[in-house]
Amino acid sequence: MLYSLCFLLFMIGLYCVLVKKNMIKIVIGILLMEYAVNLFLVMLGWRKLAEEAVAPIAAGGDLLDKAGTVSQLFVSRAVDPLPQALVLTSIVIGLGSLALMVAICIRIYEKYGTFDITKIRRLKG
């Protein structure tokens, strides 16, 4: 069910990108698609069967056995850290691309005086 909601969020963003004529709405659609993919990646790393999932960096006293090694309890309850690392990287890259898209929108508005892409296509110069 949750994966289908991520897909729905992605489809709403895709609809904004393909149908809307305002550049700001197109940028918002791209952001919605990015957030849907990030949410999907985080949800892939989650363990559904664990009663209380723990962060992979946490190694409390109850999660270590007598020899000081990681116990099977920790291994069975820890979430996958790889999707979290990928999402953190994606957030940073998304912030840079958002800044670039907003800067391009501002420059186009300064030159043409509109955010409507159909009017910008008709203008020359």
N, C-alpha and C. Protein backbone atom coordinates (compact mmCIF):
# COMPACT_ATOMS: atom_id res chain seq x y z
N MET A 1 0.82 -1.20 0.00
CA MET A 1 0.00 0.00 0.00
C MET A 1 0.87 1.26 0.00
N LEU A 2 1.91 1.27 0.83
CA LEU A 2 2.75 2.46 0.90
C LEU A 2 3.54 2.69 -0.38
N TYR A 3 3.94 1.59 -1.02
CA TYR A 3 4.66 1.73 -2.29
C TYR A 3 3.76 2.32 -3.36
N SER A 4 2.48 1.97 -3.33
CA SER A 4 1.55 2.53 -4.30
C SER A 4 1.32 4.01 -4.05
N LEU A 5 1.40 4.45 -2.80
CA LEU A 5 1.29 5.88 -2.51
C LEU A 5 2.51 6.64 -3.02
N CYS A 6 3.68 6.03 -2.94
CA CYS A 6 4.87 6.64 -3.54
C CYS A 6 4.71 6.76 -5.05
N PHE A 7 4.15 5.72 -5.66
CA PHE A 7 3.91 5.75 -7.10
C PHE A 7 2.89 6.83 -7.45
N LEU A 8 1.86 6.99 -6.63
CA LEU A 8 0.86 8.04 -6.85
C LEU A 8 1.48 9.43 -6.75
N LEU A 9 2.34 9.64 -5.76
CA LEU A 9 3.03 10.92 -5.62
C LEU A 9 3.92 11.18 -6.83
N PHE A 10 4.59 10.15 -7.32
CA PHE A 10 5.42 10.30 -8.50
C PHE A 10 4.57 10.65 -9.73
N MET A 11 3.41 10.01 -9.86
CA MET A 11 2.54 10.28 -11.01
C MET A 11 1.95 11.69 -10.95
N ILE A 12 1.68 12.21 -9.76
CA ILE A 12 1.21 13.60 -9.63
C ILE A 12 2.30 14.55 -10.09
N GLY A 13 3.54 14.28 -9.71
CA GLY A 13 4.65 15.11 -10.16
C GLY A 13 4.85 15.02 -11.67
N LEU A 14 4.71 13.82 -12.22
CA LEU A 14 4.84 13.65 -13.67
C LEU A 14 3.73 14.39 -14.41
N TYR A 15 2.53 14.37 -13.86
CA TYR A 15 1.41 15.12 -14.44
C TYR A 15 1.73 16.61 -14.46
N CYS A 16 2.29 17.12 -13.38
CA CYS A 16 2.64 18.55 -13.34
C CYS A 16 3.70 18.89 -14.39
N VAL A 17 4.65 18.01 -14.58
CA VAL A 17 5.72 18.29 -15.54
C VAL A 17 5.19 18.25 -16.97
N LEU A 18 4.33 17.29 -17.28
CA LEU A 18 3.89 17.11 -18.66
C LEU A 18 2.74 18.03 -19.07
N VAL A 19 1.86 18.40 -18.14
CA VAL A 19 0.63 19.10 -18.51
C VAL A 19 0.70 20.60 -18.22
N LYS A 20 1.29 20.99 -17.13
CA LYS A 20 1.27 22.40 -16.72
C LYS A 20 2.14 23.25 -17.64
N LYS A 21 1.72 24.49 -17.81
CA LYS A 21 2.44 25.41 -18.70
C LYS A 21 3.27 26.44 -17.94
N ASN A 22 3.08 26.53 -16.63
CA ASN A 22 3.82 27.48 -15.82
C ASN A 22 5.14 26.83 -15.38
N MET A 23 6.25 27.55 -15.53
CA MET A 23 7.55 26.97 -15.20
C MET A 23 7.69 26.66 -13.72
N ILE A 24 7.09 27.47 -12.86
CA ILE A 24 7.17 27.22 -11.43
C ILE A 24 6.45 25.92 -11.08
N LYS A 25 5.30 25.68 -11.70
CA LYS A 25 4.56 24.43 -11.47
C LYS A 25 5.34 23.23 -12.00
N ILE A 26 6.07 23.41 -13.06
CA ILE A 26 6.91 22.33 -13.60
C ILE A 26 8.04 22.00 -12.61
N VAL A 27 8.64 23.02 -12.03
CA VAL A 27 9.70 22.81 -11.04
C VAL A 27 9.13 22.09 -9.81
N ILE A 28 7.93 22.47 -9.38
CA ILE A 28 7.29 21.80 -8.24
C ILE A 28 7.01 20.34 -8.58
N GLY A 29 6.60 20.06 -9.81
CA GLY A 29 6.38 18.69 -10.24
C GLY A 29 7.65 17.86 -10.21
N ILE A 30 8.76 18.46 -10.63
CA ILE A 30 10.05 17.76 -10.57
C ILE A 30 10.42 17.46 -9.13
N LEU A 31 10.17 18.41 -8.24
CA LEU A 31 10.46 18.19 -6.82
C LEU A 31 9.58 17.07 -6.25
N LEU A 32 8.31 17.03 -6.63
CA LEU A 32 7.44 15.95 -6.16
C LEU A 32 7.94 14.59 -6.62
N MET A 33 8.40 14.50 -7.85
CA MET A 33 8.95 13.23 -8.34
C MET A 33 10.20 12.85 -7.55
N GLU A 34 11.04 13.83 -7.26
CA GLU A 34 12.26 13.55 -6.50
C GLU A 34 11.93 13.06 -5.09
N TYR A 35 10.96 13.71 -4.44
CA TYR A 35 10.58 13.30 -3.09
C TYR A 35 9.95 11.91 -3.09
N ALA A 36 9.21 11.59 -4.13
CA ALA A 36 8.60 10.25 -4.22
C ALA A 36 9.68 9.18 -4.35
N VAL A 37 10.69 9.43 -5.13
CA VAL A 37 11.78 8.46 -5.29
C VAL A 37 12.57 8.33 -3.98
N ASN A 38 12.82 9.45 -3.31
CA ASN A 38 13.54 9.40 -2.04
C ASN A 38 12.75 8.61 -0.99
N LEU A 39 11.45 8.86 -0.92
CA LEU A 39 10.61 8.14 0.03
C LEU A 39 10.59 6.65 -0.30
N PHE A 40 10.54 6.31 -1.57
CA PHE A 40 10.55 4.91 -1.98
C PHE A 40 11.86 4.23 -1.57
N LEU A 41 12.98 4.91 -1.76
CA LEU A 41 14.27 4.32 -1.39
C LEU A 41 14.39 4.10 0.11
N VAL A 42 13.90 5.05 0.90
CA VAL A 42 13.95 4.88 2.35
C VAL A 42 13.06 3.73 2.78
N MET A 43 11.90 3.61 2.14
CA MET A 43 10.99 2.53 2.51
C MET A 43 11.53 1.16 2.10
N LEU A 44 12.37 1.10 1.08
CA LEU A 44 12.98 -0.18 0.70
C LEU A 44 13.91 -0.71 1.78
N GLY A 45 14.56 0.18 2.52
CA GLY A 45 15.49 -0.25 3.54
C GLY A 45 14.85 -0.60 4.86
N TRP A 46 13.56 -0.35 5.02
CA TRP A 46 12.88 -0.59 6.28
C TRP A 46 12.56 -2.07 6.45
N ARG A 47 12.66 -2.58 7.65
CA ARG A 47 12.32 -3.97 7.94
C ARG A 47 10.91 -4.01 8.51
N LYS A 48 10.01 -4.67 7.81
CA LYS A 48 8.62 -4.73 8.25
C LYS A 48 8.42 -5.68 9.43
N LEU A 49 9.20 -6.74 9.48
CA LEU A 49 8.96 -7.78 10.47
C LEU A 49 9.59 -7.46 11.82
N ALA A 50 10.45 -6.48 11.88
CA ALA A 50 11.09 -6.15 13.15
C ALA A 50 10.12 -5.40 14.04
N GLU A 51 10.06 -5.80 15.30
CA GLU A 51 9.16 -5.14 16.24
C GLU A 51 9.60 -3.70 16.47
N GLU A 52 10.88 -3.54 16.76
CA GLU A 52 11.44 -2.22 16.98
C GLU A 52 12.71 -2.11 16.16
N ALA A 53 12.62 -1.49 15.02
CA ALA A 53 13.80 -1.35 14.16
C ALA A 53 14.74 -0.32 14.77
N VAL A 54 16.01 -0.55 14.63
CA VAL A 54 17.02 0.37 15.17
C VAL A 54 17.89 0.87 14.03
N ALA A 55 18.48 2.03 14.25
CA ALA A 55 19.39 2.60 13.27
C ALA A 55 20.65 1.74 13.20
N PRO A 56 21.26 1.60 12.04
CA PRO A 56 22.43 0.72 11.91
C PRO A 56 23.65 1.22 12.69
N ILE A 57 23.68 2.49 13.04
CA ILE A 57 24.83 3.01 13.77
C ILE A 57 24.72 2.73 15.26
N ALA A 58 23.51 2.45 15.74
CA ALA A 58 23.30 2.22 17.17
C ALA A 58 23.78 0.83 17.54
N ALA A 59 24.62 0.76 18.53
CA ALA A 59 25.07 -0.52 19.06
C ALA A 59 25.06 -0.43 20.57
N GLY A 60 23.88 -0.42 21.13
CA GLY A 60 23.73 -0.29 22.57
C GLY A 60 24.20 -1.54 23.28
N GLY A 61 24.20 -1.48 24.61
CA GLY A 61 24.66 -2.59 25.41
C GLY A 61 23.82 -3.84 25.25
N ASP A 62 22.51 -3.69 25.03
CA ASP A 62 21.65 -4.85 24.89
C ASP A 62 21.80 -5.52 23.53
N LEU A 63 22.47 -4.85 22.60
CA LEU A 63 22.63 -5.42 21.27
C LEU A 63 23.97 -6.13 21.10
N LEU A 64 24.82 -6.07 22.12
CA LEU A 64 26.10 -6.75 22.06
C LEU A 64 26.04 -7.98 22.95
N ASP A 65 26.68 -9.05 22.51
CA ASP A 65 26.71 -10.25 23.35
C ASP A 65 27.92 -10.20 24.30
N LYS A 66 28.18 -11.28 25.01
CA LYS A 66 29.23 -11.31 26.05
C LYS A 66 30.62 -11.03 25.48
N ALA A 67 30.89 -11.46 24.27
CA ALA A 67 32.21 -11.27 23.67
C ALA A 67 32.40 -9.86 23.12
N GLY A 68 31.36 -9.06 23.11
CA GLY A 68 31.46 -7.71 22.58
C GLY A 68 31.19 -7.60 21.10
N THR A 69 30.79 -8.69 20.47
CA THR A 69 30.46 -8.65 19.06
C THR A 69 28.96 -8.37 18.89
N VAL A 70 28.61 -8.04 17.71
CA VAL A 70 27.22 -7.71 17.42
C VAL A 70 26.37 -8.98 17.48
N SER A 71 25.28 -8.90 18.19
CA SER A 71 24.44 -10.08 18.36
C SER A 71 23.49 -10.26 17.18
N GLN A 72 22.88 -11.42 17.13
CA GLN A 72 21.90 -11.71 16.09
C GLN A 72 20.67 -10.82 16.24
N LEU A 73 20.38 -10.40 17.47
CA LEU A 73 19.25 -9.50 17.71
C LEU A 73 19.44 -8.19 16.97
N PHE A 74 20.66 -7.65 17.04
CA PHE A 74 20.94 -6.40 16.33
C PHE A 74 20.85 -6.59 14.83
N VAL A 75 21.38 -7.69 14.33
CA VAL A 75 21.37 -7.95 12.89
C VAL A 75 19.94 -8.10 12.39
N SER A 76 19.08 -8.71 13.19
CA SER A 76 17.70 -8.91 12.75
C SER A 76 16.86 -7.64 12.87
N ARG A 77 17.28 -6.69 13.69
CA ARG A 77 16.48 -5.47 13.91
C ARG A 77 17.02 -4.25 13.19
N ALA A 78 18.24 -4.25 12.72
CA ALA A 78 18.83 -3.07 12.10
C ALA A 78 18.28 -2.86 10.70
N VAL A 79 18.02 -1.63 10.36
CA VAL A 79 17.55 -1.31 9.02
C VAL A 79 18.77 -1.19 8.09
N ASP A 80 18.51 -1.25 6.79
CA ASP A 80 19.58 -1.21 5.81
C ASP A 80 20.10 0.23 5.67
N PRO A 81 21.39 0.49 5.87
CA PRO A 81 21.90 1.86 5.81
C PRO A 81 22.15 2.37 4.39
N LEU A 82 22.24 1.49 3.41
CA LEU A 82 22.56 1.92 2.05
C LEU A 82 21.50 2.84 1.45
N PRO A 83 20.20 2.52 1.52
CA PRO A 83 19.21 3.47 0.98
C PRO A 83 19.23 4.82 1.68
N GLN A 84 19.52 4.82 2.97
CA GLN A 84 19.58 6.09 3.69
C GLN A 84 20.73 6.94 3.18
N ALA A 85 21.87 6.32 2.92
CA ALA A 85 23.01 7.06 2.38
C ALA A 85 22.72 7.56 0.97
N LEU A 86 22.05 6.74 0.17
CA LEU A 86 21.69 7.18 -1.18
C LEU A 86 20.71 8.35 -1.15
N VAL A 87 19.78 8.33 -0.23
CA VAL A 87 18.80 9.42 -0.14
C VAL A 87 19.47 10.70 0.34
N LEU A 88 20.40 10.61 1.28
CA LEU A 88 21.13 11.81 1.70
C LEU A 88 21.90 12.43 0.54
N THR A 89 22.53 11.59 -0.27
CA THR A 89 23.22 12.09 -1.45
C THR A 89 22.24 12.69 -2.44
N SER A 90 21.10 12.06 -2.60
CA SER A 90 20.08 12.56 -3.53
C SER A 90 19.51 13.90 -3.08
N ILE A 91 19.36 14.08 -1.78
CA ILE A 91 18.85 15.36 -1.27
C ILE A 91 19.82 16.49 -1.60
N VAL A 92 21.11 16.24 -1.44
CA VAL A 92 22.11 17.27 -1.73
C VAL A 92 22.12 17.59 -3.23
N ILE A 93 22.08 16.57 -4.06
CA ILE A 93 22.06 16.79 -5.51
C ILE A 93 20.77 17.50 -5.92
N GLY A 94 19.65 17.12 -5.31
CA GLY A 94 18.37 17.76 -5.60
C GLY A 94 18.35 19.23 -5.22
N LEU A 95 19.01 19.57 -4.12
CA LEU A 95 19.08 20.97 -3.71
C LEU A 95 19.86 21.80 -4.73
N GLY A 96 20.95 21.23 -5.24
CA GLY A 96 21.72 21.93 -6.27
C GLY A 96 20.95 22.10 -7.56
N SER A 97 20.25 21.05 -7.97
CA SER A 97 19.46 21.17 -9.21
C SER A 97 18.27 22.10 -9.03
N LEU A 98 17.68 22.14 -7.83
CA LEU A 98 16.60 23.08 -7.56
C LEU A 98 17.09 24.52 -7.67
N ALA A 99 18.26 24.80 -7.11
CA ALA A 99 18.83 26.15 -7.21
C ALA A 99 19.07 26.53 -8.67
N LEU A 100 19.55 25.58 -9.46
CA LEU A 100 19.78 25.85 -10.87
C LEU A 100 18.46 26.11 -11.61
N MET A 101 17.43 25.30 -11.33
CA MET A 101 16.14 25.49 -11.99
C MET A 101 15.51 26.82 -11.62
N VAL A 102 15.59 27.21 -10.37
CA VAL A 102 15.03 28.50 -9.94
C VAL A 102 15.80 29.64 -10.57
N ALA A 103 17.11 29.52 -10.66
CA ALA A 103 17.91 30.57 -11.29
C ALA A 103 17.56 30.71 -12.77
N ILE A 104 17.36 29.60 -13.45
CA ILE A 104 16.97 29.65 -14.86
C ILE A 104 15.58 30.28 -15.01
N CYS A 105 14.65 29.92 -14.13
CA CYS A 105 13.30 30.52 -14.18
C CYS A 105 13.36 32.03 -13.96
N ILE A 106 14.19 32.47 -13.03
CA ILE A 106 14.31 33.90 -12.77
C ILE A 106 14.89 34.63 -13.98
N ARG A 107 15.91 34.05 -14.59
CA ARG A 107 16.51 34.70 -15.78
C ARG A 107 15.53 34.74 -16.95
N ILE A 108 14.76 33.69 -17.14
CA ILE A 108 13.76 33.68 -18.21
C ILE A 108 12.67 34.71 -17.94
N TYR A 109 12.27 34.84 -16.67
CA TYR A 109 11.25 35.84 -16.32
C TYR A 109 11.78 37.25 -16.54
N GLU A 110 13.06 37.48 -16.23
CA GLU A 110 13.65 38.80 -16.46
C GLU A 110 13.70 39.12 -17.95
N LYS A 111 13.95 38.13 -18.78
CA LYS A 111 14.08 38.37 -20.21
C LYS A 111 12.74 38.49 -20.91
N TYR A 112 11.79 37.59 -20.60
CA TYR A 112 10.52 37.54 -21.31
C TYR A 112 9.35 38.11 -20.53
N GLY A 113 9.45 38.23 -19.22
CA GLY A 113 8.38 38.80 -18.42
C GLY A 113 7.22 37.85 -18.16
N THR A 114 7.41 36.56 -18.35
CA THR A 114 6.35 35.59 -18.12
C THR A 114 6.96 34.24 -17.74
N PHE A 115 6.14 33.44 -17.04
CA PHE A 115 6.54 32.07 -16.72
C PHE A 115 5.86 31.06 -17.63
N ASP A 116 4.97 31.51 -18.50
CA ASP A 116 4.20 30.62 -19.37
C ASP A 116 5.09 30.14 -20.52
N ILE A 117 5.26 28.82 -20.63
CA ILE A 117 6.18 28.29 -21.64
C ILE A 117 5.61 28.41 -23.05
N THR A 118 4.29 28.48 -23.20
CA THR A 118 3.73 28.66 -24.55
C THR A 118 4.00 30.06 -25.07
N LYS A 119 3.97 31.06 -24.21
CA LYS A 119 4.28 32.43 -24.63
C LYS A 119 5.76 32.59 -24.89
N ILE A 120 6.59 31.91 -24.13
CA ILE A 120 8.03 32.02 -24.32
C ILE A 120 8.44 31.40 -25.64
N ARG A 121 7.78 30.33 -26.05
CA ARG A 121 8.09 29.70 -27.34
C ARG A 121 7.77 30.61 -28.51
N ARG A 122 6.71 31.42 -28.37
CA ARG A 122 6.31 32.31 -29.46
C ARG A 122 7.18 33.54 -29.55
N LEU A 123 7.82 33.94 -28.46
CA LEU A 123 8.62 35.16 -28.46
C LEU A 123 9.96 34.88 -29.13
N LYS A 124 10.48 35.87 -29.81
CA LYS A 124 11.78 35.78 -30.45
C LYS A 124 12.70 36.80 -29.80
N GLY A 125 13.99 36.42 -29.69
CA GLY A 125 14.93 37.40 -29.18
C GLY A 125 15.67 37.02 -27.97
